[in-house]
């Protein structure tokens, strides 16, 4: 364990007079999902689905710019018996 700091941290007195500026968010969000199912004759199905999301953070107040995108591709097999 590291030694405790020699100087104690003093209480910082924050005010909330400008707190309303933290909620002025400006972003653009885009989501699209598509998929298909192929059914075989023997009661088996193959599924594929893709989902794309994009976020453009135009303000970046508290945590900086949180812009980015996400692509998710899912596939599965279902067997009915």
N, C-alpha and C. Protein backbone atom coordinates (compact mmCIF):
# COMPACT_ATOMS: atom_id res chain seq x y z
N UNK A 1 0.84 -1.18 0.00
CA UNK A 1 0.00 0.00 0.00
C UNK A 1 0.89 1.24 0.00
N UNK A 2 0.55 2.22 -0.82
CA UNK A 2 1.33 3.46 -0.80
C UNK A 2 1.06 4.25 0.47
N UNK A 3 2.03 5.07 0.83
CA UNK A 3 1.87 5.92 2.01
C UNK A 3 0.82 6.98 1.73
N UNK A 4 0.04 7.37 2.75
CA UNK A 4 -0.95 8.43 2.54
C UNK A 4 -0.26 9.75 2.24
N UNK A 5 -0.94 10.65 1.52
CA UNK A 5 -0.30 11.95 1.21
C UNK A 5 -0.04 12.74 2.49
N UNK A 6 1.04 13.50 2.45
CA UNK A 6 1.41 14.28 3.63
C UNK A 6 0.45 15.43 3.86
N UNK A 7 -0.06 16.02 2.78
CA UNK A 7 -1.01 17.12 2.91
C UNK A 7 -2.42 16.60 2.69
N UNK A 8 -3.31 16.93 3.58
CA UNK A 8 -4.71 16.51 3.44
C UNK A 8 -5.39 17.38 2.38
N UNK A 9 -6.25 16.77 1.62
CA UNK A 9 -7.02 17.52 0.64
C UNK A 9 -8.09 18.33 1.35
N UNK A 10 -8.21 19.58 0.98
CA UNK A 10 -9.22 20.42 1.59
C UNK A 10 -10.53 20.30 0.82
N UNK A 11 -11.62 20.56 1.50
CA UNK A 11 -12.92 20.52 0.88
C UNK A 11 -13.02 21.62 -0.17
N UNK A 12 -13.41 21.26 -1.37
CA UNK A 12 -13.56 22.23 -2.44
C UNK A 12 -15.03 22.65 -2.50
N UNK A 13 -15.26 23.90 -2.41
CA UNK A 13 -16.63 24.42 -2.37
C UNK A 13 -17.08 24.77 -3.79
N UNK A 14 -17.86 23.87 -4.40
CA UNK A 14 -18.36 24.11 -5.75
C UNK A 14 -19.72 24.80 -5.68
N UNK A 15 -19.96 25.65 -6.65
CA UNK A 15 -21.27 26.28 -6.75
C UNK A 15 -21.99 25.69 -7.96
N UNK A 16 -23.29 25.85 -7.99
CA UNK A 16 -24.11 25.29 -9.06
C UNK A 16 -24.70 26.37 -9.96
N UNK A 17 -24.13 27.55 -9.94
CA UNK A 17 -24.72 28.65 -10.70
C UNK A 17 -24.65 28.45 -12.21
N UNK A 18 -23.68 27.71 -12.72
CA UNK A 18 -23.58 27.46 -14.16
C UNK A 18 -23.93 26.03 -14.53
N UNK A 19 -24.61 25.34 -13.66
CA UNK A 19 -24.92 23.93 -13.90
C UNK A 19 -25.84 23.73 -15.11
N UNK A 20 -26.68 24.70 -15.41
CA UNK A 20 -27.61 24.57 -16.54
C UNK A 20 -26.87 24.41 -17.86
N UNK A 21 -25.63 24.86 -17.95
CA UNK A 21 -24.89 24.74 -19.21
C UNK A 21 -24.47 23.31 -19.51
N UNK A 22 -24.46 22.43 -18.52
CA UNK A 22 -24.06 21.04 -18.73
C UNK A 22 -25.11 20.24 -19.50
N UNK A 23 -26.34 20.70 -19.55
CA UNK A 23 -27.39 19.94 -20.22
C UNK A 23 -27.66 20.42 -21.64
N UNK A 24 -26.87 21.29 -22.17
CA UNK A 24 -27.05 21.76 -23.54
C UNK A 24 -26.35 20.80 -24.50
N UNK A 25 -26.93 19.62 -24.65
CA UNK A 25 -26.33 18.60 -25.50
C UNK A 25 -26.74 18.81 -26.94
N UNK A 26 -25.85 18.48 -27.86
CA UNK A 26 -26.13 18.61 -29.28
C UNK A 26 -25.48 17.42 -29.97
N UNK A 27 -26.30 16.48 -30.42
CA UNK A 27 -25.76 15.29 -31.08
C UNK A 27 -26.73 14.81 -32.15
N UNK A 28 -26.19 14.01 -33.06
CA UNK A 28 -26.97 13.40 -34.12
C UNK A 28 -26.75 11.90 -34.03
N UNK A 29 -27.83 11.14 -33.98
CA UNK A 29 -27.75 9.69 -33.85
C UNK A 29 -28.46 9.04 -35.03
N UNK A 30 -27.86 7.96 -35.54
CA UNK A 30 -28.40 7.24 -36.69
C UNK A 30 -28.29 5.75 -36.41
N UNK A 31 -29.40 5.02 -36.55
CA UNK A 31 -29.42 3.57 -36.32
C UNK A 31 -30.16 2.89 -37.46
N UNK A 32 -29.62 1.77 -37.94
CA UNK A 32 -30.28 0.99 -38.97
C UNK A 32 -30.01 -0.50 -38.68
N UNK A 33 -31.05 -1.32 -38.87
CA UNK A 33 -30.94 -2.76 -38.63
C UNK A 33 -31.61 -3.49 -39.78
N UNK A 34 -30.98 -4.58 -40.23
CA UNK A 34 -31.55 -5.40 -41.29
C UNK A 34 -31.16 -6.85 -41.04
N UNK A 35 -31.99 -7.75 -41.53
CA UNK A 35 -31.67 -9.16 -41.35
C UNK A 35 -32.52 -10.03 -42.24
N UNK A 36 -32.20 -11.33 -42.27
CA UNK A 36 -33.01 -12.27 -43.02
C UNK A 36 -32.96 -13.64 -42.35
N UNK A 37 -33.96 -14.43 -42.70
CA UNK A 37 -34.06 -15.80 -42.18
C UNK A 37 -34.22 -16.73 -43.39
N UNK A 38 -33.42 -17.78 -43.43
CA UNK A 38 -33.54 -18.80 -44.47
C UNK A 38 -34.01 -20.08 -43.80
N UNK A 39 -35.13 -20.63 -44.26
CA UNK A 39 -35.69 -21.83 -43.66
C UNK A 39 -35.40 -23.03 -44.56
N UNK A 40 -34.77 -24.05 -43.99
CA UNK A 40 -34.51 -25.30 -44.71
C UNK A 40 -35.75 -26.20 -44.61
N UNK A 41 -35.82 -27.26 -45.41
CA UNK A 41 -36.98 -28.14 -45.43
C UNK A 41 -37.11 -28.99 -44.17
N UNK A 42 -36.04 -29.25 -43.49
CA UNK A 42 -36.08 -30.16 -42.34
C UNK A 42 -36.33 -29.47 -41.00
N UNK A 43 -36.90 -28.27 -41.00
CA UNK A 43 -37.22 -27.59 -39.74
C UNK A 43 -36.05 -26.83 -39.15
N UNK A 44 -35.06 -26.52 -39.95
CA UNK A 44 -33.90 -25.76 -39.48
C UNK A 44 -33.91 -24.38 -40.14
N UNK A 45 -33.53 -23.37 -39.36
CA UNK A 45 -33.48 -22.00 -39.87
C UNK A 45 -32.09 -21.42 -39.63
N UNK A 46 -31.67 -20.60 -40.58
CA UNK A 46 -30.41 -19.87 -40.44
C UNK A 46 -30.77 -18.38 -40.45
N UNK A 47 -30.31 -17.64 -39.45
CA UNK A 47 -30.62 -16.22 -39.35
C UNK A 47 -29.34 -15.40 -39.40
N UNK A 48 -29.44 -14.24 -40.03
CA UNK A 48 -28.35 -13.27 -40.08
C UNK A 48 -28.96 -11.90 -39.87
N UNK A 49 -28.33 -11.11 -39.01
CA UNK A 49 -28.83 -9.76 -38.74
C UNK A 49 -27.65 -8.83 -38.57
N UNK A 50 -27.76 -7.64 -39.12
CA UNK A 50 -26.73 -6.62 -38.96
C UNK A 50 -27.34 -5.35 -38.42
N UNK A 51 -26.61 -4.67 -37.58
CA UNK A 51 -27.06 -3.42 -36.98
C UNK A 51 -25.92 -2.41 -37.01
N UNK A 52 -26.21 -1.20 -37.47
CA UNK A 52 -25.20 -0.15 -37.54
C UNK A 52 -25.72 1.07 -36.79
N UNK A 53 -24.90 1.62 -35.92
CA UNK A 53 -25.24 2.83 -35.16
C UNK A 53 -24.12 3.84 -35.30
N UNK A 54 -24.47 5.10 -35.43
CA UNK A 54 -23.48 6.17 -35.54
C UNK A 54 -23.92 7.33 -34.64
N UNK A 55 -22.98 7.87 -33.89
CA UNK A 55 -23.27 9.00 -33.00
C UNK A 55 -22.28 10.11 -33.31
N UNK A 56 -22.79 11.30 -33.59
CA UNK A 56 -21.97 12.48 -33.83
C UNK A 56 -22.23 13.46 -32.70
N UNK A 57 -21.30 13.52 -31.76
CA UNK A 57 -21.41 14.43 -30.62
C UNK A 57 -20.88 15.79 -31.05
N UNK A 58 -21.79 16.74 -31.20
CA UNK A 58 -21.40 18.04 -31.74
C UNK A 58 -21.01 19.05 -30.67
N UNK A 59 -21.09 18.67 -29.40
CA UNK A 59 -20.76 19.61 -28.34
C UNK A 59 -19.61 19.11 -27.46
N UNK A 60 -19.71 17.91 -26.94
CA UNK A 60 -18.64 17.34 -26.12
C UNK A 60 -18.40 18.08 -24.82
N UNK A 61 -19.45 18.30 -24.04
CA UNK A 61 -19.30 19.09 -22.81
C UNK A 61 -18.50 18.37 -21.73
N UNK A 62 -19.09 17.40 -21.08
CA UNK A 62 -18.53 16.86 -19.85
C UNK A 62 -17.38 15.89 -20.11
N UNK A 63 -17.57 14.91 -20.96
CA UNK A 63 -16.56 13.87 -21.16
C UNK A 63 -15.79 14.04 -22.46
N UNK A 64 -15.88 15.16 -23.10
CA UNK A 64 -15.23 15.35 -24.39
C UNK A 64 -16.07 14.76 -25.50
N UNK A 65 -15.53 14.66 -26.67
CA UNK A 65 -16.28 14.14 -27.81
C UNK A 65 -16.53 12.65 -27.64
N UNK A 66 -17.78 12.25 -27.75
CA UNK A 66 -18.14 10.84 -27.64
C UNK A 66 -18.64 10.31 -28.99
N UNK A 67 -18.17 10.88 -30.07
CA UNK A 67 -18.57 10.44 -31.40
C UNK A 67 -17.99 9.06 -31.69
N UNK A 68 -18.72 8.30 -32.49
CA UNK A 68 -18.23 6.99 -32.87
C UNK A 68 -19.31 6.19 -33.56
N UNK A 69 -18.93 5.01 -34.01
CA UNK A 69 -19.89 4.15 -34.68
C UNK A 69 -19.70 2.71 -34.21
N UNK A 70 -20.75 1.91 -34.41
CA UNK A 70 -20.75 0.52 -33.96
C UNK A 70 -21.44 -0.33 -35.01
N UNK A 71 -20.80 -1.41 -35.40
CA UNK A 71 -21.38 -2.37 -36.35
C UNK A 71 -21.43 -3.72 -35.65
N UNK A 72 -22.63 -4.31 -35.59
CA UNK A 72 -22.83 -5.61 -34.96
C UNK A 72 -23.45 -6.55 -36.00
N UNK A 73 -22.84 -7.72 -36.18
CA UNK A 73 -23.37 -8.74 -37.08
C UNK A 73 -23.62 -9.99 -36.26
N UNK A 74 -24.84 -10.50 -36.33
CA UNK A 74 -25.22 -11.70 -35.57
C UNK A 74 -25.71 -12.77 -36.55
N UNK A 75 -25.41 -14.01 -36.21
CA UNK A 75 -25.86 -15.12 -37.02
C UNK A 75 -26.20 -16.27 -36.09
N UNK A 76 -27.19 -17.07 -36.48
CA UNK A 76 -27.57 -18.18 -35.63
C UNK A 76 -28.28 -19.27 -36.41
N UNK A 77 -28.39 -20.41 -35.78
CA UNK A 77 -29.10 -21.57 -36.34
C UNK A 77 -30.15 -22.00 -35.34
N UNK A 78 -31.35 -22.24 -35.85
CA UNK A 78 -32.46 -22.71 -35.01
C UNK A 78 -32.93 -24.04 -35.55
N UNK A 79 -33.04 -25.01 -34.67
CA UNK A 79 -33.52 -26.34 -35.07
C UNK A 79 -34.81 -26.64 -34.34
N UNK A 80 -35.87 -26.88 -35.07
CA UNK A 80 -37.17 -27.23 -34.50
C UNK A 80 -37.31 -28.74 -34.50
N UNK A 81 -37.66 -29.31 -33.35
CA UNK A 81 -37.90 -30.76 -33.27
C UNK A 81 -39.01 -31.06 -32.32
